[in-house]
PDB file of N, CA and C in Angstrom:
ATOM      1  N   MET A   1       1.168  -1.273   0.320  1.00  0.00           N
ATOM      2  CA  MET A   1      -0.076  -0.230  -0.213  1.00  0.00           C
ATOM      3  C   MET A   1       0.678   1.201  -0.329  1.00  0.00           C
ATOM      4  N   LYS A   2       1.750   1.113   1.033  1.00  0.00           N
ATOM      5  CA  LYS A   2       2.616   2.243   1.043  1.00  0.00           C
ATOM      6  C   LYS A   2       3.572   2.489  -0.199  1.00  0.00           C
ATOM      7  N   SER A   3       3.918   1.738  -1.398  1.00  0.00           N
ATOM      8  CA  SER A   3       4.625   1.780  -2.430  1.00  0.00           C
ATOM      9  C   SER A   3       3.613   2.277  -3.392  1.00  0.00           C
ATOM     10  N   LEU A   4       2.232   2.175  -3.257  1.00  0.00           N
ATOM     11  CA  LEU A   4       1.488   2.546  -4.108  1.00  0.00           C
ATOM     12  C   LEU A   4       1.100   4.364  -4.130  1.00  0.00           C
ATOM     13  N   LYS A   5       0.885   4.644  -2.827  1.00  0.00           N
ATOM     14  CA  LYS A   5       0.999   5.994  -2.515  1.00  0.00           C
ATOM     15  C   LYS A   5       2.286   6.824  -2.742  1.00  0.00           C
ATOM     16  N   MET A   6       3.251   5.944  -2.942  1.00  0.00           N
ATOM     17  CA  MET A   6       4.743   6.414  -3.492  1.00  0.00           C
ATOM     18  C   MET A   6       4.508   6.637  -4.957  1.00  0.00           C
ATOM     19  N   MET A   7       4.215   5.818  -5.768  1.00  0.00           N
ATOM     20  CA  MET A   7       4.111   5.666  -6.923  1.00  0.00           C
ATOM     21  C   MET A   7       3.380   6.689  -7.354  1.00  0.00           C
ATOM     22  N   LEU A   8       1.769   6.879  -6.784  1.00  0.00           N
ATOM     23  CA  LEU A   8       0.878   7.810  -7.297  1.00  0.00           C
ATOM     24  C   LEU A   8       1.210   9.337  -6.797  1.00  0.00           C
ATOM     25  N   GLY A   9       2.057   9.355  -5.684  1.00  0.00           N
ATOM     26  CA  GLY A   9       2.804  10.650  -5.734  1.00  0.00           C
ATOM     27  C   GLY A   9       3.670  11.275  -6.820  1.00  0.00           C
ATOM     28  N   LEU A  10       4.473  10.553  -7.114  1.00  0.00           N
ATOM     29  CA  LEU A  10       5.594  10.535  -8.140  1.00  0.00           C
ATOM     30  C   LEU A  10       4.924  10.498  -9.224  1.00  0.00           C
ATOM     31  N   SER A  11       4.179  10.229  -9.786  1.00  0.00           N
ATOM     32  CA  SER A  11       3.297  10.417 -11.128  1.00  0.00           C
ATOM     33  C   SER A  11       2.466  12.272 -10.975  1.00  0.00           C
ATOM     34  N   LEU A  12       2.287  12.059  -9.668  1.00  0.00           N
ATOM     35  CA  LEU A  12       1.672  13.679  -9.955  1.00  0.00           C
ATOM     36  C   LEU A  12       2.923  14.691  -9.863  1.00  0.00           C
ATOM     37  N   LEU A  13       3.739  14.162  -9.353  1.00  0.00           N
ATOM     38  CA  LEU A  13       5.087  15.401  -9.330  1.00  0.00           C
ATOM     39  C   LEU A  13       5.616  15.460 -10.931  1.00  0.00           C
ATOM     40  N   LEU A  14       5.567  13.945 -11.653  1.00  0.00           N
ATOM     41  CA  LEU A  14       5.797  14.465 -12.787  1.00  0.00           C
ATOM     42  C   LEU A  14       5.220  14.472 -13.934  1.00  0.00           C
ATOM     43  N   SER A  15       3.850  14.621 -13.685  1.00  0.00           N
ATOM     44  CA  SER A  15       3.279  15.125 -14.823  1.00  0.00           C
ATOM     45  C   SER A  15       3.009  16.707 -14.612  1.00  0.00           C
ATOM     46  N   GLY A  16       4.020  17.613 -13.746  1.00  0.00           N
ATOM     47  CA  GLY A  16       3.713  18.677 -13.114  1.00  0.00           C
ATOM     48  C   GLY A  16       2.460  19.431 -13.135  1.00  0.00           C
ATOM     49  N   PRO A  17       2.450  20.981 -13.469  1.00  0.00           N
ATOM     50  CA  PRO A  17       1.243  21.719 -13.358  1.00  0.00           C
ATOM     51  C   PRO A  17       0.628  21.253 -14.492  1.00  0.00           C
ATOM     52  N   VAL A  18      -1.091  21.871 -14.159  1.00  0.00           N
ATOM     53  CA  VAL A  18      -1.831  22.108 -15.502  1.00  0.00           C
ATOM     54  C   VAL A  18      -1.501  23.389 -16.197  1.00  0.00           C
ATOM     55  N   PRO A  19      -1.071  24.086 -17.388  1.00  0.00           N
ATOM     56  CA  PRO A  19      -1.131  24.836 -17.990  1.00  0.00           C
ATOM     57  C   PRO A  19      -2.286  25.399 -17.154  1.00  0.00           C
ATOM     58  N   ALA A  20      -2.478  26.769 -16.893  1.00  0.00           N
ATOM     59  CA  ALA A  20      -3.840  27.693 -17.114  1.00  0.00           C
ATOM     60  C   ALA A  20      -3.550  29.045 -17.641  1.00  0.00           C
ATOM     61  N   ASP A  21      -4.770  29.719 -18.629  1.00  0.00           N
ATOM     62  CA  ASP A  21      -4.957  30.626 -19.547  1.00  0.00           C
ATOM     63  C   ASP A  21      -5.942  31.798 -18.587  1.00  0.00           C
ATOM     64  N   ASP A  22      -5.114  33.384 -18.668  1.00  0.00           N
ATOM     65  CA  ASP A  22      -5.754  34.190 -18.279  1.00  0.00           C
ATOM     66  C   ASP A  22      -6.807  34.587 -19.313  1.00  0.00           C
ATOM     67  N   MET A  23      -8.304  34.898 -18.749  1.00  0.00           N
ATOM     68  CA  MET A  23      -9.144  34.852 -20.256  1.00  0.00           C
ATOM     69  C   MET A  23      -9.775  36.360 -19.317  1.00  0.00           C
ATOM     70  N   LYS A  24     -10.713  36.785 -20.288  1.00  0.00           N
ATOM     71  CA  LYS A  24     -11.783  38.125 -19.642  1.00  0.00           C
ATOM     72  C   LYS A  24     -12.577  37.566 -21.010  1.00  0.00           C
ATOM     73  N   CYS A  25     -13.650  37.948 -19.939  1.00  0.00           N
ATOM     74  CA  CYS A  25     -15.116  38.058 -21.062  1.00  0.00           C
ATOM     75  C   CYS A  25     -15.679  39.303 -20.515  1.00  0.00           C
ATOM     76  N   TYR A  26     -16.740  39.569 -21.426  1.00  0.00           N
ATOM     77  CA  TYR A  26     -17.452  40.815 -21.811  1.00  0.00           C
ATOM     78  C   TYR A  26     -18.923  40.576 -21.418  1.00  0.00           C
ATOM     79  N   VAL A  27     -19.825  40.137 -20.584  1.00  0.00           N
ATOM     80  CA  VAL A  27     -21.163  39.627 -20.067  1.00  0.00           C
ATOM     81  C   VAL A  27     -22.048  40.670 -20.070  1.00  0.00           C
ATOM     82  N   GLU A  28     -23.341  40.188 -20.072  1.00  0.00           N
ATOM     83  CA  GLU A  28     -24.440  40.733 -19.626  1.00  0.00           C
ATOM     84  C   GLU A  28     -24.692  40.110 -18.086  1.00  0.00           C
ATOM     85  N   LEU A  29     -25.127  40.845 -17.097  1.00  0.00           N
ATOM     86  CA  LEU A  29     -25.526  40.117 -15.720  1.00  0.00           C
ATOM     87  C   LEU A  29     -27.041  40.087 -15.934  1.00  0.00           C
ATOM     88  N   VAL A  30     -27.639  39.715 -15.161  1.00  0.00           N
ATOM     89  CA  VAL A  30     -29.288  39.490 -14.888  1.00  0.00           C
ATOM     90  C   VAL A  30     -29.679  41.226 -14.646  1.00  0.00           C
ATOM     91  N   ASN A  31     -29.263  41.612 -14.211  1.00  0.00           N
ATOM     92  CA  ASN A  31     -29.998  43.437 -14.080  1.00  0.00           C
ATOM     93  C   ASN A  31     -29.693  43.927 -15.417  1.00  0.00           C
ATOM     94  N   GLY A  32     -28.937  43.576 -16.337  1.00  0.00           N
ATOM     95  CA  GLY A  32     -29.026  44.436 -17.492  1.00  0.00           C
ATOM     96  C   GLY A  32     -27.895  45.098 -17.828  1.00  0.00           C
ATOM     97  N   GLN A  33     -26.443  45.422 -16.515  1.00  0.00           N
ATOM     98  CA  GLN A  33     -24.953  45.846 -16.697  1.00  0.00           C
ATOM     99  C   GLN A  33     -24.701  44.693 -17.590  1.00  0.00           C
ATOM    100  N   LYS A  34     -23.242  45.419 -18.232  1.00  0.00           N
ATOM    101  CA  LYS A  34     -22.373  44.850 -18.873  1.00  0.00           C
ATOM    102  C   LYS A  34     -21.344  45.009 -18.636  1.00  0.00           C
ATOM    103  N   VAL A  35     -20.343  44.101 -17.952  1.00  0.00           N
ATOM    104  CA  VAL A  35     -19.322  43.851 -17.500  1.00  0.00           C
ATOM    105  C   VAL A  35     -18.340  42.983 -18.235  1.00  0.00           C
ATOM    106  N   VAL A  36     -17.150  43.335 -17.572  1.00  0.00           N
ATOM    107  CA  VAL A  36     -15.842  42.857 -18.129  1.00  0.00           C
ATOM    108  C   VAL A  36     -15.389  41.918 -16.417  1.00  0.00           C
ATOM    109  N   LEU A  37     -15.184  40.305 -17.248  1.00  0.00           N
ATOM    110  CA  LEU A  37     -14.774  39.326 -16.078  1.00  0.00           C
ATOM    111  C   LEU A  37     -13.470  39.004 -16.441  1.00  0.00           C
ATOM    112  N   HIS A  38     -12.721  38.445 -15.305  1.00  0.00           N
ATOM    113  CA  HIS A  38     -11.415  37.657 -15.210  1.00  0.00           C
ATOM    114  C   HIS A  38     -11.604  36.808 -14.668  1.00  0.00           C
ATOM    115  N   GLY A  39     -10.245  35.761 -15.466  1.00  0.00           N
ATOM    116  CA  GLY A  39     -10.673  34.944 -14.550  1.00  0.00           C
ATOM    117  C   GLY A  39      -9.602  33.444 -15.168  1.00  0.00           C
ATOM    118  N   THR A  40      -8.593  32.311 -14.711  1.00  0.00           N
ATOM    119  CA  THR A  40      -7.952  31.564 -15.173  1.00  0.00           C
ATOM    120  C   THR A  40      -8.901  30.624 -15.426  1.00  0.00           C
ATOM    121  N   VAL A  41      -8.331  29.863 -16.736  1.00  0.00           N
ATOM    122  CA  VAL A  41      -8.932  28.363 -17.053  1.00  0.00           C
ATOM    123  C   VAL A  41      -7.857  27.534 -17.300  1.00  0.00           C
ATOM    124  N   THR A  42      -8.119  26.345 -16.861  1.00  0.00           N
ATOM    125  CA  THR A  42      -6.965  25.402 -17.579  1.00  0.00           C
ATOM    126  C   THR A  42      -7.387  24.264 -18.549  1.00  0.00           C
ATOM    127  N   ASP A  43      -8.659  24.777 -19.018  1.00  0.00           N
ATOM    128  CA  ASP A  43      -9.067  24.626 -20.668  1.00  0.00           C
ATOM    129  C   ASP A  43      -9.744  25.784 -21.072  1.00  0.00           C
ATOM    130  N   SER A  44      -8.946  26.182 -22.216  1.00  0.00           N
ATOM    131  CA  SER A  44      -9.528  27.471 -23.064  1.00  0.00           C
ATOM    132  C   SER A  44     -10.231  26.908 -23.958  1.00  0.00           C
ATOM    133  N   SER A  45     -10.865  25.775 -24.111  1.00  0.00           N
ATOM    134  CA  SER A  45     -11.785  25.833 -25.185  1.00  0.00           C
ATOM    135  C   SER A  45     -13.359  26.227 -25.190  1.00  0.00           C
ATOM    136  N   GLN A  46     -13.818  26.861 -26.080  1.00  0.00           N
ATOM    137  CA  GLN A  46     -14.906  27.662 -26.017  1.00  0.00           C
ATOM    138  C   GLN A  46     -15.974  27.184 -24.535  1.00  0.00           C
ATOM    139  N   LYS A  47     -16.202  26.056 -25.165  1.00  0.00           N
ATOM    140  CA  LYS A  47     -17.135  25.307 -24.162  1.00  0.00           C
ATOM    141  C   LYS A  47     -16.730  25.535 -22.297  1.00  0.00           C
ATOM    142  N   ALA A  48     -15.424  25.086 -22.594  1.00  0.00           N
ATOM    143  CA  ALA A  48     -15.110  25.353 -20.937  1.00  0.00           C
ATOM    144  C   ALA A  48     -15.116  26.809 -20.301  1.00  0.00           C
ATOM    145  N   VAL A  49     -14.419  27.759 -21.310  1.00  0.00           N
ATOM    146  CA  VAL A  49     -14.756  29.530 -21.021  1.00  0.00           C
ATOM    147  C   VAL A  49     -15.874  29.425 -20.918  1.00  0.00           C
ATOM    148  N   GLN A  50     -17.090  29.299 -21.425  1.00  0.00           N
ATOM    149  CA  GLN A  50     -18.299  29.597 -21.587  1.00  0.00           C
ATOM    150  C   GLN A  50     -18.802  29.181 -19.839  1.00  0.00           C
ATOM    151  N   GLU A  51     -18.604  27.952 -19.657  1.00  0.00           N
ATOM    152  CA  GLU A  51     -18.903  27.555 -18.418  1.00  0.00           C
ATOM    153  C   GLU A  51     -18.185  28.176 -17.186  1.00  0.00           C
ATOM    154  N   LYS A  52     -17.377  28.400 -17.087  1.00  0.00           N
ATOM    155  CA  LYS A  52     -16.980  29.078 -15.888  1.00  0.00           C
ATOM    156  C   LYS A  52     -17.047  30.257 -15.627  1.00  0.00           C
ATOM    157  N   PHE A  53     -17.183  30.940 -17.023  1.00  0.00           N
ATOM    158  CA  PHE A  53     -17.708  32.479 -16.574  1.00  0.00           C
ATOM    159  C   PHE A  53     -19.527  32.583 -16.598  1.00  0.00           C
ATOM    160  N   LYS A  54     -19.971  31.234 -16.817  1.00  0.00           N
ATOM    161  CA  LYS A  54     -21.592  31.647 -16.884  1.00  0.00           C
ATOM    162  C   LYS A  54     -21.953  31.343 -15.310  1.00  0.00           C
ATOM    163  N   GLN A  55     -21.031  30.688 -14.477  1.00  0.00           N
ATOM    164  CA  GLN A  55     -20.956  29.813 -13.241  1.00  0.00           C
ATOM    165  C   GLN A  55     -20.949  31.414 -12.141  1.00  0.00           C
ATOM    166  N   ARG A  56     -20.042  32.239 -12.672  1.00  0.00           N
ATOM    167  CA  ARG A  56     -19.294  33.457 -12.023  1.00  0.00           C
ATOM    168  C   ARG A  56     -20.772  34.631 -11.937  1.00  0.00           C
ATOM    169  N   GLY A  57     -20.115  35.463 -10.876  1.00  0.00           N
ATOM    170  CA  GLY A  57     -21.278  36.754 -11.176  1.00  0.00           C
ATOM    171  C   GLY A  57     -20.371  37.911 -10.842  1.00  0.00           C
ATOM    172  N   TYR A  58     -20.839  38.911 -10.470  1.00  0.00           N
ATOM    173  CA  TYR A  58     -20.351  40.366 -10.091  1.00  0.00           C
ATOM    174  C   TYR A  58     -20.906  40.567  -9.121  1.00  0.00           C
ATOM    175  N   GLU A  59     -20.064  41.179  -8.016  1.00  0.00           N
ATOM    176  CA  GLU A  59     -21.001  41.731  -6.915  1.00  0.00           C
ATOM    177  C   GLU A  59     -21.143  42.945  -6.793  1.00  0.00           C
ATOM    178  N   ILE A  60     -22.617  43.943  -6.938  1.00  0.00           N
ATOM    179  CA  ILE A  60     -22.528  45.355  -6.504  1.00  0.00           C
ATOM    180  C   ILE A  60     -23.110  45.157  -5.730  1.00  0.00           C
ATOM    181  N   ASN A  61     -23.334  46.566  -4.934  1.00  0.00           N
ATOM    182  CA  ASN A  61     -23.371  46.867  -3.455  1.00  0.00           C
ATOM    183  C   ASN A  61     -23.487  45.336  -2.568  1.00  0.00           C
ATOM    184  N   GLY A  62     -22.920  44.825  -2.315  1.00  0.00           N
ATOM    185  CA  GLY A  62     -23.224  43.557  -1.705  1.00  0.00           C
ATOM    186  C   GLY A  62     -24.128  42.282  -2.119  1.00  0.00           C
ATOM    187  N   ALA A  63     -24.303  42.588  -3.406  1.00  0.00           N
ATOM    188  CA  ALA A  63     -25.242  41.557  -4.106  1.00  0.00           C
ATOM    189  C   ALA A  63     -24.684  41.137  -5.070  1.00  0.00           C
ATOM    190  N   VAL A  64     -24.764  39.873  -5.546  1.00  0.00           N
ATOM    191  CA  VAL A  64     -24.230  39.033  -6.598  1.00  0.00           C
ATOM    192  C   VAL A  64     -25.191  38.914  -7.733  1.00  0.00           C
ATOM    193  N   GLN A  65     -24.584  39.382  -8.604  1.00  0.00           N
ATOM    194  CA  GLN A  65     -25.764  39.417  -9.819  1.00  0.00           C
ATOM    195  C   GLN A  65     -25.272  38.313 -10.898  1.00  0.00           C
ATOM    196  N   PRO A  66     -25.991  37.209 -11.264  1.00  0.00           N
ATOM    197  CA  PRO A  66     -25.288  35.963 -11.838  1.00  0.00           C
ATOM    198  C   PRO A  66     -25.185  36.860 -13.517  1.00  0.00           C
ATOM    199  N   VAL A  67     -24.096  36.113 -14.073  1.00  0.00           N
ATOM    200  CA  VAL A  67     -24.338  36.400 -15.428  1.00  0.00           C
ATOM    201  C   VAL A  67     -25.140  36.040 -16.246  1.00  0.00           C
ATOM    202  N   LEU A  68     -25.787  36.388 -16.999  1.00  0.00           N
ATOM    203  CA  LEU A  68     -27.112  36.310 -17.913  1.00  0.00           C
ATOM    204  C   LEU A  68     -26.571  35.437 -19.269  1.00  0.00           C
ATOM    205  N   LYS A  69     -25.545  36.217 -19.877  1.00  0.00           N
ATOM    206  CA  LYS A  69     -25.197  35.571 -21.010  1.00  0.00           C
ATOM    207  C   LYS A  69     -23.801  36.717 -21.531  1.00  0.00           C
ATOM    208  N   LEU A  70     -22.668  35.469 -22.197  1.00  0.00           N
ATOM    209  CA  LEU A  70     -21.826  35.782 -22.347  1.00  0.00           C
ATOM    210  C   LEU A  70     -21.546  36.731 -23.745  1.00  0.00           C
ATOM    211  N   LEU A  71     -21.450  38.249 -24.010  1.00  0.00           N
ATOM    212  CA  LEU A  71     -20.426  38.714 -24.943  1.00  0.00           C
ATOM    213  C   LEU A  71     -19.711  38.366 -26.042  1.00  0.00           C
ATOM    214  N   GLU A  72     -18.887  38.367 -25.369  1.00  0.00           N
ATOM    215  CA  GLU A  72     -17.062  38.113 -26.420  1.00  0.00           C
ATOM    216  C   GLU A  72     -16.456  37.748 -25.160  1.00  0.00           C
ATOM    217  N   CYS A  73     -15.540  36.707 -25.116  1.00  0.00           N
ATOM    218  CA  CYS A  73     -14.372  36.380 -24.688  1.00  0.00           C
ATOM    219  C   CYS A  73     -13.269  36.186 -25.360  1.00  0.00           C
ATOM    220  N   GLN A  74     -11.851  36.612 -24.641  1.00  0.00           N
ATOM    221  CA  GLN A  74     -10.605  36.488 -25.431  1.00  0.00           C
ATOM    222  C   GLN A  74      -9.326  36.276 -24.343  1.00  0.00           C
ATOM    223  N   PRO A  75      -8.453  36.141 -24.911  1.00  0.00           N
ATOM    224  CA  PRO A  75      -7.193  35.957 -23.767  1.00  0.00           C
ATOM    225  C   PRO A  75      -6.967  37.451 -23.123  1.00  0.00           C
ATOM    226  N   LEU A  76      -6.758  37.389 -22.020  1.00  0.00           N
ATOM    227  CA  LEU A  76      -6.538  38.670 -20.757  1.00  0.00           C
ATOM    228  C   LEU A  76      -5.608  39.264 -21.872  1.00  0.00           C
ATOM    229  N   GLU A  77      -4.690  39.492 -22.764  1.00  0.00           N
ATOM    230  CA  GLU A  77      -3.783  40.224 -23.507  1.00  0.00           C
ATOM    231  C   GLU A  77      -4.381  41.050 -24.727  1.00  0.00           C
ATOM    232  N   ASN A  78      -5.180  40.438 -25.337  1.00  0.00           N
ATOM    233  CA  ASN A  78      -5.843  40.376 -26.764  1.00  0.00           C
ATOM    234  C   ASN A  78      -7.212  41.731 -26.288  1.00  0.00           C
ATOM    235  N   LYS A  79      -7.587  42.350 -27.315  1.00  0.00           N
ATOM    236  CA  LYS A  79      -8.730  43.730 -26.841  1.00  0.00           C
ATOM    237  C   LYS A  79      -9.799  42.827 -27.587  1.00  0.00           C
ATOM    238  N   PHE A  80     -10.663  43.303 -26.815  1.00  0.00           N
ATOM    239  CA  PHE A  80     -12.342  42.799 -27.634  1.00  0.00           C
ATOM    240  C   PHE A  80     -12.524  43.261 -28.830  1.00  0.00           C
ATOM    241  N   GLN A  81     -13.440  42.540 -29.655  1.00  0.00           N
ATOM    242  CA  GLN A  81     -13.296  43.048 -31.166  1.00  0.00           C
ATOM    243  C   GLN A  81     -14.929  43.820 -30.974  1.00  0.00           C
ATOM    244  N   SER A  82     -15.222  43.971 -30.139  1.00  0.00           N
ATOM    245  CA  SER A  82     -16.628  44.901 -30.341  1.00  0.00           C
ATOM    246  C   SER A  82     -16.405  46.193 -29.330  1.00  0.00           C
ATOM    247  N   LYS A  83     -16.572  47.536 -29.985  1.00  0.00           N
ATOM    248  CA  LYS A  83     -16.401  48.953 -29.286  1.00  0.00           C
ATOM    249  C   LYS A  83     -16.981  48.761 -27.839  1.00  0.00           C
ATOM    250  N   GLU A  84     -17.596  48.524 -27.461  1.00  0.00           N
ATOM    251  CA  GLU A  84     -18.335  48.276 -26.593  1.00  0.00           C
ATOM    252  C   GLU A  84     -18.054  47.384 -25.596  1.00  0.00           C
ATOM    253  N   GLY A  85     -17.210  46.087 -25.764  1.00  0.00           N
ATOM    254  CA  GLY A  85     -16.335  45.520 -24.730  1.00  0.00           C
ATOM    255  C   GLY A  85     -15.077  46.246 -24.578  1.00  0.00           C
ATOM    256  N   GLN A  86     -14.848  46.841 -25.870  1.00  0.00           N
ATOM    257  CA  GLN A  86     -12.954  47.459 -25.518  1.00  0.00           C
ATOM    258  C   GLN A  86     -13.324  48.590 -24.424  1.00  0.00           C
ATOM    259  N   GLN A  87     -14.449  49.746 -24.533  1.00  0.00           N
ATOM    260  CA  GLN A  87     -14.788  50.710 -24.082  1.00  0.00           C
ATOM    261  C   GLN A  87     -14.977  50.101 -22.727  1.00  0.00           C
ATOM    262  N   GLN A  88     -15.490  49.067 -21.992  1.00  0.00           N
ATOM    263  CA  GLN A  88     -15.941  48.913 -20.977  1.00  0.00           C
ATOM    264  C   GLN A  88     -14.792  48.120 -19.978  1.00  0.00           C
ATOM    265  N   ASP A  89     -13.939  47.746 -21.032  1.00  0.00           N
ATOM    266  CA  ASP A  89     -12.642  47.042 -20.633  1.00  0.00           C
ATOM    267  C   ASP A  89     -11.726  48.064 -19.887  1.00  0.00           C
ATOM    268  N   ALA A  90     -11.757  49.060 -20.623  1.00  0.00           N
ATOM    269  CA  ALA A  90     -10.759  50.005 -20.568  1.00  0.00           C
ATOM    270  C   ALA A  90     -11.308  51.294 -19.381  1.00  0.00           C
ATOM    271  N   SER A  91     -12.583  51.348 -19.057  1.00  0.00           N
ATOM    272  CA  SER A  91     -13.269  52.577 -17.936  1.00  0.00           C
ATOM    273  C   SER A  91     -13.227  51.506 -16.402  1.00  0.00           C
ATOM    274  N   GLN A  92     -13.480  50.320 -16.817  1.00  0.00           N
ATOM    275  CA  GLN A  92     -13.653  49.214 -15.243  1.00  0.00           C
ATOM    276  C   GLN A  92     -12.411  48.992 -14.547  1.00  0.00           C
ATOM    277  N   LEU A  93     -12.876  49.263 -13.128  1.00  0.00           N
ATOM    278  CA  LEU A  93     -11.582  49.557 -12.249  1.00  0.00           C
ATOM    279  C   LEU A  93     -11.265  47.850 -12.311  1.00  0.00           C
ATOM    280  N   ARG A  94     -10.212  47.784 -11.840  1.00  0.00           N
ATOM    281  CA  ARG A  94      -9.818  46.496 -11.749  1.00  0.00           C
ATOM    282  C   ARG A  94      -9.316  46.332 -10.136  1.00  0.00           C
TER     283      ARG A  94
END
């Protein structure tokens, strides 16, 4: 049993860390407000990014507003394609 634990531990060490990507999404909240959310994803496929950001919310005055829909997602270093997304990203405090 001890050797099995050692082998499992060794395999975890050799596999290394899972690479993560920093992403940002321009989203519409259930209250109609549009904001930019940031996050790290280990799977940057469109489906995985959508699932991660759909589960998030944005705190406004102590209440978390759920995400209604994702309007656009990009890697953190890229600009949004939409003019509205670019404006929100530039003006929103971090």
